[in-house]
Structures are given as C-alpha cells and as structure tokens.
Amino acid sequence: MRISPASQRLGLVVAFALVPLAMAAQDHDHNAAPAASVPSTAAAGAAPATAPSPPHTMKTYAQMMADVAAREARLDSLVKTMDGATGEAKIQVMAAVIRQMVHDEKQMRARMSEMHAQMMAGHEK
C-alpha cells in the first residue's frame, strides 16, 4: 500500500506534536521507590507542624499567566502573518513559528523542572 505525500506530511506533524508528551512521560518515573514515611507528630507527642507555605504565591501565578498570554499573542501574530504570506515569505514565517514554538516549549520545560525541584525540596523537609 502506497502512502500519499500529504498523508506522510500529516503523520510527521502528528509525530512532532506528540514528542513533548512522550518526553514528559519519560521524565516522570512511576517506578521510583516511595519516600520514607515521616513519623506522625501525634505519635511523637509533639505539636502538629504548620504546613509549609507554597513556593509560588498569587503574584508569581499572575506573572506566569501573563507570560502565557504574551506567548500566545506572539504566536497568534506570527500565524496571522503566515496566513497572509505567500511564496518564500510564507516559508520564512513558518520557520519563525516553529522557532517560537520550540523556544516556548523549552522555557515551559525549564519552569516545570524548577517547580518540580521546589516541590521535592518542600517534601524533604
């Protein structure tokens, strides 16, 4: 059975779209040993400890949401430009869209990694 070039392109687009999901699945180890249990404060006769404050406040959350909105606006603008372009100009804008998406994905993964490290540091205390 012969696969049409359009189907091949569609397959590549879908494959590249799924790469970040596959990478995220590999980063999370479901087989990791559970952390050692912490003895109950009631059993030790101590007063209950207060819950640690979350590392991200509403201010940082608002900043993250503003960053997301700015990234989406940049992509929307590029896509609008791409839709109106033709020929070589369209190819150049398509390349700019891809570069922006890769840049945004890398930034998101770095932030997720940082937040994960902060959460794990909070659980170790």
PDB file of N, CA and C in Angstrom:
ATOM      1  N   MET A   1       0.840  -1.175   0.000  1.00  0.00           N
ATOM      2  CA  MET A   1       0.000   0.000   0.000  1.00  0.00           C
ATOM      3  C   MET A   1       0.887   1.240   0.000  1.00  0.00           C
ATOM      4  N   ARG A   2       0.609   2.154  -0.885  1.00  0.00           N
ATOM      5  CA  ARG A   2       1.402   3.376  -1.016  1.00  0.00           C
ATOM      6  C   ARG A   2       0.741   4.504  -0.226  1.00  0.00           C
ATOM      7  N   ILE A   3       1.553   5.239   0.532  1.00  0.00           N
ATOM      8  CA  ILE A   3       1.063   6.348   1.341  1.00  0.00           C
ATOM      9  C   ILE A   3       1.318   7.646   0.586  1.00  0.00           C
ATOM     10  N   SER A   4       0.290   8.459   0.495  1.00  0.00           N
ATOM     11  CA  SER A   4       0.410   9.712  -0.256  1.00  0.00           C
ATOM     12  C   SER A   4       1.342  10.682   0.468  1.00  0.00           C
ATOM     13  N   PRO A   5       1.982  11.592  -0.265  1.00  0.00           N
ATOM     14  CA  PRO A   5       2.848  12.592   0.375  1.00  0.00           C
ATOM     15  C   PRO A   5       2.103  13.441   1.405  1.00  0.00           C
ATOM     16  N   ALA A   6       0.837  13.754   1.135  1.00  0.00           N
ATOM     17  CA  ALA A   6       0.057  14.545   2.100  1.00  0.00           C
ATOM     18  C   ALA A   6      -0.118  13.773   3.399  1.00  0.00           C
ATOM     19  N   SER A   7      -0.376  12.469   3.296  1.00  0.00           N
ATOM     20  CA  SER A   7      -0.522  11.639   4.496  1.00  0.00           C
ATOM     21  C   SER A   7       0.794  11.534   5.250  1.00  0.00           C
ATOM     22  N   GLN A   8       1.895  11.456   4.508  1.00  0.00           N
ATOM     23  CA  GLN A   8       3.210  11.406   5.154  1.00  0.00           C
ATOM     24  C   GLN A   8       3.471  12.695   5.932  1.00  0.00           C
ATOM     25  N   ARG A   9       3.158  13.846   5.315  1.00  0.00           N
ATOM     26  CA  ARG A   9       3.354  15.125   5.995  1.00  0.00           C
ATOM     27  C   ARG A   9       2.492  15.208   7.246  1.00  0.00           C
ATOM     28  N   LEU A  10       1.234  14.778   7.127  1.00  0.00           N
ATOM     29  CA  LEU A  10       0.341  14.799   8.276  1.00  0.00           C
ATOM     30  C   LEU A  10       0.891  13.907   9.389  1.00  0.00           C
ATOM     31  N   GLY A  11       1.406  12.756   9.019  1.00  0.00           N
ATOM     32  CA  GLY A  11       1.998  11.850  10.002  1.00  0.00           C
ATOM     33  C   GLY A  11       3.182  12.485  10.712  1.00  0.00           C
ATOM     34  N   LEU A  12       4.016  13.206   9.970  1.00  0.00           N
ATOM     35  CA  LEU A  12       5.158  13.887  10.578  1.00  0.00           C
ATOM     36  C   LEU A  12       4.710  14.980  11.537  1.00  0.00           C
ATOM     37  N   VAL A  13       3.689  15.732  11.130  1.00  0.00           N
ATOM     38  CA  VAL A  13       3.178  16.794  12.001  1.00  0.00           C
ATOM     39  C   VAL A  13       2.661  16.195  13.304  1.00  0.00           C
ATOM     40  N   VAL A  14       1.888  15.128  13.206  1.00  0.00           N
ATOM     41  CA  VAL A  14       1.351  14.478  14.407  1.00  0.00           C
ATOM     42  C   VAL A  14       2.483  13.919  15.261  1.00  0.00           C
ATOM     43  N   ALA A  15       3.457  13.293  14.626  1.00  0.00           N
ATOM     44  CA  ALA A  15       4.584  12.720  15.377  1.00  0.00           C
ATOM     45  C   ALA A  15       5.341  13.804  16.138  1.00  0.00           C
ATOM     46  N   PHE A  16       5.624  14.922  15.470  1.00  0.00           N
ATOM     47  CA  PHE A  16       6.346  16.002  16.133  1.00  0.00           C
ATOM     48  C   PHE A  16       5.505  16.632  17.241  1.00  0.00           C
ATOM     49  N   ALA A  17       4.204  16.650  17.074  1.00  0.00           N
ATOM     50  CA  ALA A  17       3.338  17.204  18.108  1.00  0.00           C
ATOM     51  C   ALA A  17       3.330  16.314  19.350  1.00  0.00           C
ATOM     52  N   LEU A  18       3.537  15.012  19.166  1.00  0.00           N
ATOM     53  CA  LEU A  18       3.500  14.080  20.293  1.00  0.00           C
ATOM     54  C   LEU A  18       4.836  13.936  21.006  1.00  0.00           C
ATOM     55  N   VAL A  19       5.914  14.408  20.409  1.00  0.00           N
ATOM     56  CA  VAL A  19       7.241  14.279  21.020  1.00  0.00           C
ATOM     57  C   VAL A  19       7.289  14.879  22.428  1.00  0.00           C
ATOM     58  N   PRO A  20       6.779  16.111  22.661  1.00  0.00           N
ATOM     59  CA  PRO A  20       6.844  16.650  24.026  1.00  0.00           C
ATOM     60  C   PRO A  20       6.097  15.785  25.033  1.00  0.00           C
ATOM     61  N   LEU A  21       4.982  15.178  24.620  1.00  0.00           N
ATOM     62  CA  LEU A  21       4.236  14.312  25.531  1.00  0.00           C
ATOM     63  C   LEU A  21       5.039  13.064  25.875  1.00  0.00           C
ATOM     64  N   ALA A  22       5.681  12.487  24.880  1.00  0.00           N
ATOM     65  CA  ALA A  22       6.492  11.293  25.126  1.00  0.00           C
ATOM     66  C   ALA A  22       7.678  11.622  26.025  1.00  0.00           C
ATOM     67  N   MET A  23       8.280  12.795  25.801  1.00  0.00           N
ATOM     68  CA  MET A  23       9.424  13.189  26.628  1.00  0.00           C
ATOM     69  C   MET A  23       8.987  13.427  28.067  1.00  0.00           C
ATOM     70  N   ALA A  24       7.835  14.027  28.270  1.00  0.00           N
ATOM     71  CA  ALA A  24       7.328  14.277  29.615  1.00  0.00           C
ATOM     72  C   ALA A  24       7.051  12.957  30.326  1.00  0.00           C
ATOM     73  N   ALA A  25       6.526  11.973  29.589  1.00  0.00           N
ATOM     74  CA  ALA A  25       6.255  10.669  30.185  1.00  0.00           C
ATOM     75  C   ALA A  25       7.545   9.988  30.619  1.00  0.00           C
ATOM     76  N   GLN A  26       8.620  10.166  29.866  1.00  0.00           N
ATOM     77  CA  GLN A  26       9.891   9.560  30.230  1.00  0.00           C
ATOM     78  C   GLN A  26      10.504  10.238  31.441  1.00  0.00           C
ATOM     79  N   ASP A  27      10.256  11.539  31.612  1.00  0.00           N
ATOM     80  CA  ASP A  27      10.829  12.281  32.730  1.00  0.00           C
ATOM     81  C   ASP A  27      10.242  11.872  34.067  1.00  0.00           C
ATOM     82  N   HIS A  28       9.027  11.340  34.060  1.00  0.00           N
ATOM     83  CA  HIS A  28       8.359  11.001  35.304  1.00  0.00           C
ATOM     84  C   HIS A  28       8.510   9.516  35.555  1.00  0.00           C
ATOM     85  N   ASP A  29       9.141   9.152  36.629  1.00  0.00           N
ATOM     86  CA  ASP A  29       9.416   7.753  36.942  1.00  0.00           C
ATOM     87  C   ASP A  29       8.351   7.210  37.883  1.00  0.00           C
ATOM     88  N   HIS A  30       7.434   6.401  37.338  1.00  0.00           N
ATOM     89  CA  HIS A  30       6.381   5.814  38.156  1.00  0.00           C
ATOM     90  C   HIS A  30       6.905   4.652  39.004  1.00  0.00           C
ATOM     91  N   ASN A  31       8.070   4.142  38.693  1.00  0.00           N
ATOM     92  CA  ASN A  31       8.619   3.007  39.417  1.00  0.00           C
ATOM     93  C   ASN A  31       9.583   3.417  40.518  1.00  0.00           C
ATOM     94  N   ALA A  32       9.693   4.711  40.773  1.00  0.00           N
ATOM     95  CA  ALA A  32      10.599   5.185  41.818  1.00  0.00           C
ATOM     96  C   ALA A  32      10.092   4.726  43.180  1.00  0.00           C
ATOM     97  N   ALA A  33      11.035   4.424  44.044  1.00  0.00           N
ATOM     98  CA  ALA A  33      10.673   3.993  45.393  1.00  0.00           C
ATOM     99  C   ALA A  33      10.004   5.140  46.132  1.00  0.00           C
ATOM    100  N   PRO A  34       8.955   4.851  46.928  1.00  0.00           N
ATOM    101  CA  PRO A  34       8.299   5.924  47.661  1.00  0.00           C
ATOM    102  C   PRO A  34       9.233   6.498  48.709  1.00  0.00           C
ATOM    103  N   ALA A  35       9.021   7.758  49.008  1.00  0.00           N
ATOM    104  CA  ALA A  35       9.833   8.412  50.028  1.00  0.00           C
ATOM    105  C   ALA A  35       9.565   7.778  51.385  1.00  0.00           C
ATOM    106  N   ALA A  36      10.571   7.811  52.245  1.00  0.00           N
ATOM    107  CA  ALA A  36      10.404   7.254  53.587  1.00  0.00           C
ATOM    108  C   ALA A  36       9.293   7.999  54.303  1.00  0.00           C
ATOM    109  N   SER A  37       8.467   7.246  55.026  1.00  0.00           N
ATOM    110  CA  SER A  37       7.351   7.892  55.706  1.00  0.00           C
ATOM    111  C   SER A  37       7.852   8.703  56.884  1.00  0.00           C
ATOM    112  N   VAL A  38       7.176   9.803  57.124  1.00  0.00           N
ATOM    113  CA  VAL A  38       7.523  10.686  58.228  1.00  0.00           C
ATOM    114  C   VAL A  38       6.699  10.272  59.423  1.00  0.00           C
ATOM    115  N   PRO A  39       7.332  10.101  60.611  1.00  0.00           N
ATOM    116  CA  PRO A  39       6.555   9.687  61.775  1.00  0.00           C
ATOM    117  C   PRO A  39       5.510  10.738  62.127  1.00  0.00           C
ATOM    118  N   SER A  40       4.396  10.278  62.602  1.00  0.00           N
ATOM    119  CA  SER A  40       3.306  11.167  62.985  1.00  0.00           C
ATOM    120  C   SER A  40       3.725  12.029  64.164  1.00  0.00           C
ATOM    121  N   THR A  41       3.351  13.315  64.135  1.00  0.00           N
ATOM    122  CA  THR A  41       3.690  14.207  65.243  1.00  0.00           C
ATOM    123  C   THR A  41       2.885  13.841  66.471  1.00  0.00           C
ATOM    124  N   ALA A  42       1.682  13.314  66.280  1.00  0.00           N
ATOM    125  CA  ALA A  42       0.870  12.920  67.428  1.00  0.00           C
ATOM    126  C   ALA A  42       1.515  11.737  68.135  1.00  0.00           C
ATOM    127  N   ALA A  43       2.064  10.795  67.362  1.00  0.00           N
ATOM    128  CA  ALA A  43       2.709   9.634  67.960  1.00  0.00           C
ATOM    129  C   ALA A  43       3.963  10.050  68.715  1.00  0.00           C
ATOM    130  N   ALA A  44       4.637  11.064  68.260  1.00  0.00           N
ATOM    131  CA  ALA A  44       5.851  11.513  68.917  1.00  0.00           C
ATOM    132  C   ALA A  44       5.542  12.445  70.079  1.00  0.00           C
ATOM    133  N   GLY A  45       4.267  12.833  70.247  1.00  0.00           N
ATOM    134  CA  GLY A  45       3.891  13.697  71.342  1.00  0.00           C
ATOM    135  C   GLY A  45       4.184  15.161  71.095  1.00  0.00           C
ATOM    136  N   ALA A  46       4.530  15.520  69.852  1.00  0.00           N
ATOM    137  CA  ALA A  46       4.863  16.903  69.544  1.00  0.00           C
ATOM    138  C   ALA A  46       3.634  17.619  69.006  1.00  0.00           C
ATOM    139  N   ALA A  47       3.678  18.929  69.046  1.00  0.00           N
ATOM    140  CA  ALA A  47       2.587  19.720  68.488  1.00  0.00           C
ATOM    141  C   ALA A  47       2.607  19.582  66.973  1.00  0.00           C
ATOM    142  N   PRO A  48       1.437  19.600  66.342  1.00  0.00           N
ATOM    143  CA  PRO A  48       1.427  19.462  64.881  1.00  0.00           C
ATOM    144  C   PRO A  48       2.145  20.629  64.222  1.00  0.00           C
ATOM    145  N   ALA A  49       2.908  20.308  63.215  1.00  0.00           N
ATOM    146  CA  ALA A  49       3.670  21.331  62.498  1.00  0.00           C
ATOM    147  C   ALA A  49       2.743  22.069  61.541  1.00  0.00           C
ATOM    148  N   THR A  50       3.058  23.317  61.297  1.00  0.00           N
ATOM    149  CA  THR A  50       2.267  24.069  60.334  1.00  0.00           C
ATOM    150  C   THR A  50       2.694  23.667  58.935  1.00  0.00           C
ATOM    151  N   ALA A  51       1.771  23.715  58.011  1.00  0.00           N
ATOM    152  CA  ALA A  51       2.080  23.341  56.634  1.00  0.00           C
ATOM    153  C   ALA A  51       3.018  24.375  56.034  1.00  0.00           C
ATOM    154  N   PRO A  52       4.011  23.903  55.269  1.00  0.00           N
ATOM    155  CA  PRO A  52       4.919  24.866  54.646  1.00  0.00           C
ATOM    156  C   PRO A  52       4.167  25.720  53.635  1.00  0.00           C
ATOM    157  N   SER A  53       4.585  26.956  53.505  1.00  0.00           N
ATOM    158  CA  SER A  53       3.922  27.837  52.549  1.00  0.00           C
ATOM    159  C   SER A  53       4.333  27.441  51.135  1.00  0.00           C
ATOM    160  N   PRO A  54       3.403  27.536  50.195  1.00  0.00           N
ATOM    161  CA  PRO A  54       3.738  27.140  48.824  1.00  0.00           C
ATOM    162  C   PRO A  54       4.792  28.068  48.240  1.00  0.00           C
ATOM    163  N   PRO A  55       5.678  27.522  47.399  1.00  0.00           N
ATOM    164  CA  PRO A  55       6.753  28.347  46.847  1.00  0.00           C
ATOM    165  C   PRO A  55       6.242  29.409  45.877  1.00  0.00           C
ATOM    166  N   HIS A  56       5.083  29.163  45.283  1.00  0.00           N
ATOM    167  CA  HIS A  56       4.559  30.121  44.317  1.00  0.00           C
ATOM    168  C   HIS A  56       3.375  30.861  44.922  1.00  0.00           C
ATOM    169  N   THR A  57       3.473  32.132  45.019  1.00  0.00           N
ATOM    170  CA  THR A  57       2.393  32.952  45.534  1.00  0.00           C
ATOM    171  C   THR A  57       1.471  33.355  44.394  1.00  0.00           C
ATOM    172  N   MET A  58       0.406  34.046  44.732  1.00  0.00           N
ATOM    173  CA  MET A  58      -0.515  34.514  43.699  1.00  0.00           C
ATOM    174  C   MET A  58       0.188  35.474  42.740  1.00  0.00           C
ATOM    175  N   LYS A  59       1.174  36.222  43.244  1.00  0.00           N
ATOM    176  CA  LYS A  59       1.906  37.150  42.379  1.00  0.00           C
ATOM    177  C   LYS A  59       2.668  36.378  41.308  1.00  0.00           C
ATOM    178  N   THR A  60       3.348  35.309  41.684  1.00  0.00           N
ATOM    179  CA  THR A  60       4.085  34.537  40.689  1.00  0.00           C
ATOM    180  C   THR A  60       3.123  33.816  39.753  1.00  0.00           C
ATOM    181  N   TYR A  61       1.973  33.390  40.273  1.00  0.00           N
ATOM    182  CA  TYR A  61       0.969  32.755  39.421  1.00  0.00           C
ATOM    183  C   TYR A  61       0.462  33.753  38.383  1.00  0.00           C
ATOM    184  N   ALA A  62       0.163  34.968  38.831  1.00  0.00           N
ATOM    185  CA  ALA A  62      -0.304  36.008  37.910  1.00  0.00           C
ATOM    186  C   ALA A  62       0.759  36.303  36.853  1.00  0.00           C
ATOM    187  N   GLN A  63       2.028  36.316  37.248  1.00  0.00           N
ATOM    188  CA  GLN A  63       3.115  36.549  36.292  1.00  0.00           C
ATOM    189  C   GLN A  63       3.200  35.414  35.283  1.00  0.00           C
ATOM    190  N   MET A  64       3.042  34.180  35.754  1.00  0.00           N
ATOM    191  CA  MET A  64       3.069  33.039  34.841  1.00  0.00           C
ATOM    192  C   MET A  64       1.929  33.138  33.827  1.00  0.00           C
ATOM    193  N   MET A  65       0.743  33.520  34.285  1.00  0.00           N
ATOM    194  CA  MET A  65      -0.400  33.632  33.382  1.00  0.00           C
ATOM    195  C   MET A  65      -0.191  34.774  32.380  1.00  0.00           C
ATOM    196  N   ALA A  66       0.436  35.855  32.820  1.00  0.00           N
ATOM    197  CA  ALA A  66       0.749  36.960  31.904  1.00  0.00           C
ATOM    198  C   ALA A  66       1.759  36.508  30.855  1.00  0.00           C
ATOM    199  N   ASP A  67       2.741  35.702  31.267  1.00  0.00           N
ATOM    200  CA  ASP A  67       3.729  35.168  30.325  1.00  0.00           C
ATOM    201  C   ASP A  67       3.063  34.268  29.287  1.00  0.00           C
ATOM    202  N   VAL A  68       2.134  33.432  29.733  1.00  0.00           N
ATOM    203  CA  VAL A  68       1.409  32.540  28.823  1.00  0.00           C
ATOM    204  C   VAL A  68       0.625  33.370  27.804  1.00  0.00           C
ATOM    205  N   ALA A  69      -0.068  34.399  28.286  1.00  0.00           N
ATOM    206  CA  ALA A  69      -0.850  35.251  27.387  1.00  0.00           C
ATOM    207  C   ALA A  69       0.059  35.945  26.367  1.00  0.00           C
ATOM    208  N   ALA A  70       1.224  36.399  26.799  1.00  0.00           N
ATOM    209  CA  ALA A  70       2.161  37.064  25.884  1.00  0.00           C
ATOM    210  C   ALA A  70       2.679  36.086  24.826  1.00  0.00           C
ATOM    211  N   ARG A  71       3.000  34.850  25.242  1.00  0.00           N
ATOM    212  CA  ARG A  71       3.454  33.847  24.276  1.00  0.00           C
ATOM    213  C   ARG A  71       2.367  33.540  23.251  1.00  0.00           C
ATOM    214  N   GLU A  72       1.133  33.386  23.739  1.00  0.00           N
ATOM    215  CA  GLU A  72       0.022  33.105  22.832  1.00  0.00           C
ATOM    216  C   GLU A  72      -0.185  34.257  21.853  1.00  0.00           C
ATOM    217  N   ALA A  73      -0.059  35.494  22.327  1.00  0.00           N
ATOM    218  CA  ALA A  73      -0.219  36.662  21.447  1.00  0.00           C
ATOM    219  C   ALA A  73       0.861  36.683  20.373  1.00  0.00           C
ATOM    220  N   ARG A  74       2.122  36.343  20.764  1.00  0.00           N
ATOM    221  CA  ARG A  74       3.208  36.298  19.775  1.00  0.00           C
ATOM    222  C   ARG A  74       2.916  35.252  18.704  1.00  0.00           C
ATOM    223  N   LEU A  75       2.480  34.057  19.138  1.00  0.00           N
ATOM    224  CA  LEU A  75       2.173  33.005  18.170  1.00  0.00           C
ATOM    225  C   LEU A  75       0.992  33.393  17.292  1.00  0.00           C
ATOM    226  N   ASP A  76      -0.048  33.980  17.889  1.00  0.00           N
ATOM    227  CA  ASP A  76      -1.202  34.413  17.099  1.00  0.00           C
ATOM    228  C   ASP A  76      -0.776  35.407  16.031  1.00  0.00           C
ATOM    229  N   SER A  77       0.099  36.333  16.397  1.00  0.00           N
ATOM    230  CA  SER A  77       0.578  37.331  15.445  1.00  0.00           C
ATOM    231  C   SER A  77       1.371  36.680  14.317  1.00  0.00           C
ATOM    232  N   LEU A  78       2.244  35.755  14.675  1.00  0.00           N
ATOM    233  CA  LEU A  78       3.030  35.059  13.652  1.00  0.00           C
ATOM    234  C   LEU A  78       2.138  34.255  12.717  1.00  0.00           C
ATOM    235  N   VAL A  79       1.150  33.573  13.276  1.00  0.00           N
ATOM    236  CA  VAL A  79       0.255  32.761  12.454  1.00  0.00           C
ATOM    237  C   VAL A  79      -0.565  33.653  11.523  1.00  0.00           C
ATOM    238  N   LYS A  80      -1.007  34.802  12.019  1.00  0.00           N
ATOM    239  CA  LYS A  80      -1.753  35.741  11.172  1.00  0.00           C
ATOM    240  C   LYS A  80      -0.873  36.213  10.011  1.00  0.00           C
ATOM    241  N   THR A  81       0.393  36.516  10.321  1.00  0.00           N
ATOM    242  CA  THR A  81       1.337  36.923   9.274  1.00  0.00           C
ATOM    243  C   THR A  81       1.562  35.780   8.292  1.00  0.00           C
ATOM    244  N   MET A  82       1.695  34.567   8.818  1.00  0.00           N
ATOM    245  CA  MET A  82       1.913  33.394   7.982  1.00  0.00           C
ATOM    246  C   MET A  82       0.729  33.177   7.044  1.00  0.00           C
ATOM    247  N   ASP A  83      -0.478  33.319   7.577  1.00  0.00           N
ATOM    248  CA  ASP A  83      -1.668  33.088   6.761  1.00  0.00           C
ATOM    249  C   ASP A  83      -1.757  34.077   5.600  1.00  0.00           C
ATOM    250  N   GLY A  84      -1.226  35.290   5.778  1.00  0.00           N
ATOM    251  CA  GLY A  84      -1.289  36.291   4.724  1.00  0.00           C
ATOM    252  C   GLY A  84      -0.109  36.256   3.775  1.00  0.00           C
ATOM    253  N   ALA A  85       0.901  35.463   4.092  1.00  0.00           N
ATOM    254  CA  ALA A  85       2.116  35.434   3.269  1.00  0.00           C
ATOM    255  C   ALA A  85       1.999  34.398   2.150  1.00  0.00           C
ATOM    256  N   THR A  86       2.838  34.580   1.149  1.00  0.00           N
ATOM    257  CA  THR A  86       2.905  33.617   0.044  1.00  0.00           C
ATOM    258  C   THR A  86       4.362  33.393  -0.327  1.00  0.00           C
ATOM    259  N   GLY A  87       4.601  32.297  -1.025  1.00  0.00           N
ATOM    260  CA  GLY A  87       5.935  32.011  -1.553  1.00  0.00           C
ATOM    261  C   GLY A  87       6.998  31.882  -0.472  1.00  0.00           C
ATOM    262  N   GLU A  88       8.164  32.449  -0.774  1.00  0.00           N
ATOM    263  CA  GLU A  88       9.313  32.368   0.131  1.00  0.00           C
ATOM    264  C   GLU A  88       9.029  33.046   1.468  1.00  0.00           C
ATOM    265  N   ALA A  89       8.268  34.133   1.450  1.00  0.00           N
ATOM    266  CA  ALA A  89       7.936  34.840   2.689  1.00  0.00           C
ATOM    267  C   ALA A  89       7.152  33.930   3.631  1.00  0.00           C
ATOM    268  N   LYS A  90       6.256  33.117   3.072  1.00  0.00           N
ATOM    269  CA  LYS A  90       5.467  32.199   3.893  1.00  0.00           C
ATOM    270  C   LYS A  90       6.378  31.162   4.549  1.00  0.00           C
ATOM    271  N   ILE A  91       7.335  30.666   3.806  1.00  0.00           N
ATOM    272  CA  ILE A  91       8.276  29.683   4.350  1.00  0.00           C
ATOM    273  C   ILE A  91       9.070  30.299   5.503  1.00  0.00           C
ATOM    274  N   GLN A  92       9.502  31.539   5.334  1.00  0.00           N
ATOM    275  CA  GLN A  92      10.263  32.222   6.386  1.00  0.00           C
ATOM    276  C   GLN A  92       9.414  32.406   7.650  1.00  0.00           C
ATOM    277  N   VAL A  93       8.161  32.765   7.481  1.00  0.00           N
ATOM    278  CA  VAL A  93       7.280  32.958   8.645  1.00  0.00           C
ATOM    279  C   VAL A  93       6.968  31.613   9.290  1.00  0.00           C
ATOM    280  N   MET A  94       6.798  30.578   8.483  1.00  0.00           N
ATOM    281  CA  MET A  94       6.568  29.236   9.048  1.00  0.00           C
ATOM    282  C   MET A  94       7.764  28.823   9.899  1.00  0.00           C
ATOM    283  N   ALA A  95       8.964  29.111   9.432  1.00  0.00           N
ATOM    284  CA  ALA A  95      10.170  28.802  10.209  1.00  0.00           C
ATOM    285  C   ALA A  95      10.170  29.597  11.511  1.00  0.00           C
ATOM    286  N   ALA A  96       9.729  30.857  11.457  1.00  0.00           N
ATOM    287  CA  ALA A  96       9.667  31.686  12.669  1.00  0.00           C
ATOM    288  C   ALA A  96       8.651  31.113  13.657  1.00  0.00           C
ATOM    289  N   VAL A  97       7.527  30.611  13.156  1.00  0.00           N
ATOM    290  CA  VAL A  97       6.515  29.994  14.028  1.00  0.00           C
ATOM    291  C   VAL A  97       7.106  28.774  14.723  1.00  0.00           C
ATOM    292  N   ILE A  98       7.786  27.936  13.975  1.00  0.00           N
ATOM    293  CA  ILE A  98       8.385  26.727  14.554  1.00  0.00           C
ATOM    294  C   ILE A  98       9.441  27.096  15.588  1.00  0.00           C
ATOM    295  N   ARG A  99      10.301  28.071  15.259  1.00  0.00           N
ATOM    296  CA  ARG A  99      11.326  28.501  16.224  1.00  0.00           C
ATOM    297  C   ARG A  99      10.682  29.001  17.515  1.00  0.00           C
ATOM    298  N   GLN A 100       9.612  29.787  17.388  1.00  0.00           N
ATOM    299  CA  GLN A 100       8.936  30.331  18.567  1.00  0.00           C
ATOM    300  C   GLN A 100       8.329  29.210  19.404  1.00  0.00           C
ATOM    301  N   MET A 101       7.725  28.235  18.732  1.00  0.00           N
ATOM    302  CA  MET A 101       7.120  27.114  19.464  1.00  0.00           C
ATOM    303  C   MET A 101       8.182  26.307  20.207  1.00  0.00           C
ATOM    304  N   VAL A 102       9.322  26.073  19.572  1.00  0.00           N
ATOM    305  CA  VAL A 102      10.415  25.332  20.227  1.00  0.00           C
ATOM    306  C   VAL A 102      10.936  26.133  21.416  1.00  0.00           C
ATOM    307  N   HIS A 103      11.126  27.425  21.238  1.00  0.00           N
ATOM    308  CA  HIS A 103      11.593  28.290  22.320  1.00  0.00           C
ATOM    309  C   HIS A 103      10.620  28.254  23.497  1.00  0.00           C
ATOM    310  N   ASP A 104       9.324  28.382  23.210  1.00  0.00           N
ATOM    311  CA  ASP A 104       8.311  28.360  24.269  1.00  0.00           C
ATOM    312  C   ASP A 104       8.285  27.018  24.995  1.00  0.00           C
ATOM    313  N   GLU A 105       8.417  25.933  24.237  1.00  0.00           N
ATOM    314  CA  GLU A 105       8.419  24.592  24.839  1.00  0.00           C
ATOM    315  C   GLU A 105       9.605  24.422  25.780  1.00  0.00           C
ATOM    316  N   LYS A 106      10.783  24.878  25.360  1.00  0.00           N
ATOM    317  CA  LYS A 106      11.970  24.769  26.212  1.00  0.00           C
ATOM    318  C   LYS A 106      11.809  25.592  27.482  1.00  0.00           C
ATOM    319  N   GLN A 107      11.257  26.803  27.366  1.00  0.00           N
ATOM    320  CA  GLN A 107      11.038  27.628  28.551  1.00  0.00           C
ATOM    321  C   GLN A 107      10.043  26.963  29.498  1.00  0.00           C
ATOM    322  N   MET A 108       8.974  26.403  28.936  1.00  0.00           N
ATOM    323  CA  MET A 108       7.974  25.743  29.773  1.00  0.00           C
ATOM    324  C   MET A 108       8.583  24.556  30.508  1.00  0.00           C
ATOM    325  N   ARG A 109       9.391  23.764  29.822  1.00  0.00           N
ATOM    326  CA  ARG A 109      10.016  22.603  30.468  1.00  0.00           C
ATOM    327  C   ARG A 109      10.973  23.032  31.568  1.00  0.00           C
ATOM    328  N   ALA A 110      11.702  24.119  31.357  1.00  0.00           N
ATOM    329  CA  ALA A 110      12.615  24.625  32.381  1.00  0.00           C
ATOM    330  C   ALA A 110      11.837  25.071  33.616  1.00  0.00           C
ATOM    331  N   ARG A 111      10.717  25.768  33.397  1.00  0.00           N
ATOM    332  CA  ARG A 111       9.890  26.203  34.533  1.00  0.00           C
ATOM    333  C   ARG A 111       9.292  25.010  35.255  1.00  0.00           C
ATOM    334  N   MET A 112       8.838  24.021  34.505  1.00  0.00           N
ATOM    335  CA  MET A 112       8.269  22.825  35.135  1.00  0.00           C
ATOM    336  C   MET A 112       9.325  22.102  35.959  1.00  0.00           C
ATOM    337  N   SER A 113      10.525  22.011  35.435  1.00  0.00           N
ATOM    338  CA  SER A 113      11.613  21.357  36.155  1.00  0.00           C
ATOM    339  C   SER A 113      11.941  22.114  37.440  1.00  0.00           C
ATOM    340  N   GLU A 114      11.963  23.432  37.350  1.00  0.00           N
ATOM    341  CA  GLU A 114      12.230  24.256  38.530  1.00  0.00           C
ATOM    342  C   GLU A 114      11.139  24.081  39.585  1.00  0.00           C
ATOM    343  N   MET A 115       9.883  24.093  39.144  1.00  0.00           N
ATOM    344  CA  MET A 115       8.771  23.915  40.091  1.00  0.00           C
ATOM    345  C   MET A 115       8.811  22.526  40.719  1.00  0.00           C
ATOM    346  N   HIS A 116       9.158  21.518  39.928  1.00  0.00           N
ATOM    347  CA  HIS A 116       9.254  20.156  40.458  1.00  0.00           C
ATOM    348  C   HIS A 116      10.341  20.073  41.521  1.00  0.00           C
ATOM    349  N   ALA A 117      11.485  20.700  41.250  1.00  0.00           N
ATOM    350  CA  ALA A 117      12.579  20.698  42.222  1.00  0.00           C
ATOM    351  C   ALA A 117      12.148  21.398  43.513  1.00  0.00           C
ATOM    352  N   GLN A 118      11.407  22.496  43.392  1.00  0.00           N
ATOM    353  CA  GLN A 118      10.928  23.202  44.584  1.00  0.00           C
ATOM    354  C   GLN A 118       9.940  22.343  45.373  1.00  0.00           C
ATOM    355  N   MET A 119       9.067  21.640  44.666  1.00  0.00           N
ATOM    356  CA  MET A 119       8.105  20.774  45.359  1.00  0.00           C
ATOM    357  C   MET A 119       8.824  19.645  46.079  1.00  0.00           C
ATOM    358  N   MET A 120       9.809  19.059  45.418  1.00  0.00           N
ATOM    359  CA  MET A 120      10.546  17.955  46.040  1.00  0.00           C
ATOM    360  C   MET A 120      11.342  18.448  47.238  1.00  0.00           C
ATOM    361  N   ALA A 121      11.906  19.641  47.141  1.00  0.00           N
ATOM    362  CA  ALA A 121      12.654  20.207  48.275  1.00  0.00           C
ATOM    363  C   ALA A 121      11.719  20.451  49.445  1.00  0.00           C
ATOM    364  N   GLY A 122      10.478  20.829  49.169  1.00  0.00           N
ATOM    365  CA  GLY A 122       9.499  21.046  50.239  1.00  0.00           C
ATOM    366  C   GLY A 122       9.081  19.739  50.910  1.00  0.00           C
ATOM    367  N   HIS A 123       9.105  18.631  50.167  1.00  0.00           N
ATOM    368  CA  HIS A 123       8.733  17.336  50.733  1.00  0.00           C
ATOM    369  C   HIS A 123       9.854  16.723  51.553  1.00  0.00           C
ATOM    370  N   GLU A 124      11.076  17.143  51.321  1.00  0.00           N
ATOM    371  CA  GLU A 124      12.219  16.571  52.029  1.00  0.00           C
ATOM    372  C   GLU A 124      12.357  17.124  53.429  1.00  0.00           C
ATOM    373  N   LYS A 125      11.759  18.289  53.688  1.00  0.00           N
ATOM    374  CA  LYS A 125      11.909  18.931  54.994  1.00  0.00           C
ATOM    375  C   LYS A 125      11.162  18.233  56.067  1.00  0.00           C
TER     376      LYS A 125
END
